[in-house]
Amino acid sequence: MKSNLIQRILTGIVFVAAMVGCILGGAISFGILFLLITLFAIHEFCKLVNKYEQNVQVNTGLCMLGGAVMFLCFFLNEITPFVNGIFIPYLIILIGIMVSELYAKKNNPINNWAYSFLSQVYIALPFSLMNVLAFHSEDPTSVSVYYYIFPLALCLLVWTNDIGAYVVGCTIGKHRLFPRISPKKSWEGSIGGAVFCVVVSTIIAHFYPVLSTIEWAGFALVVVIFGTWGDLTESLMKRHWGIKDSGNILPGHGGILDRFDSTLLAVPATLLYLFAVTF
């Protein structure tokens, strides 16, 4: 038990340091980081689908290629917004996913299509949208500039919510939040995580007044609500498949999807929030 705790702590420190370092390191390190995360997450998802879904065999390589190309299209669209046809390669891959099943002669092509496109919408799209969070331009006719604060704040708040919810839930949690899917989560833990996040958001607002204190607090609450739904979404999949972790790439923490489940719904939600408060 003690050795597992030490392993979790060490893995967590390395994980956080790598994430923060790459986000602060600039556009290239940011892009490489989330491109790799996208690839690992899709590989993990496809591996689970092929193992646990009956008569389903998605083309893992094609799904990973699609996710990588989608991410790069979004990345290039931010740094070279005036180049036409950036998304054409991704459209070709989408067509390839459809056509490939015509020739594969697999048992369940409809579900193969469904899970292949789910890998793109559920995983590749949110990570690709991180580029929209990270690049900004005051003038629509000018090239976007990398600005790390929004993706960094989102990650910090997701981690804060996880830690706050765990600590408060373990201490005083009594009322189950969603017992059908995640019997350990409590309302007390969820509220505690939200309070922790709002406190952290006020600190962020002090150092980065790009949003007002109230707007940063709203940003934090969006992360809490949609991050919790993201967590529950992955929990539903794992319960459906009868597994505890999505993988074991992160010792003591499970797989990539286990670490980024909250992020997958928080990214598009925070983008919508930012568009609402800044336009």
Foldseek 3Di string as FASTA:
>chain_A
DVVLVVLQVVLVVVVVCQQVCQLVVFLVSLLVVLLVLLLQVLLLLQVLCCVQPPQAHADSVLLNVLLNLLLVLLLCCQQPVVDPPSCVVNVVSLVVRVVVLVPPPGDCSVVNNVSSVCSCQQRSVLSSLVSVQQWDDPDPVDHTGGDRLRVVLLLVLLVLLVVQLVVQLVVDFDAADCCVQDVSGGPRSLVRSLVSQLVVLQVSCVVDVPDHSVLSSVLSVLLSVQLVVLQSVVSNVCVVRVHDASACPRRSQHGSCSSCSSSSRSRVSSVVSCVVVPD
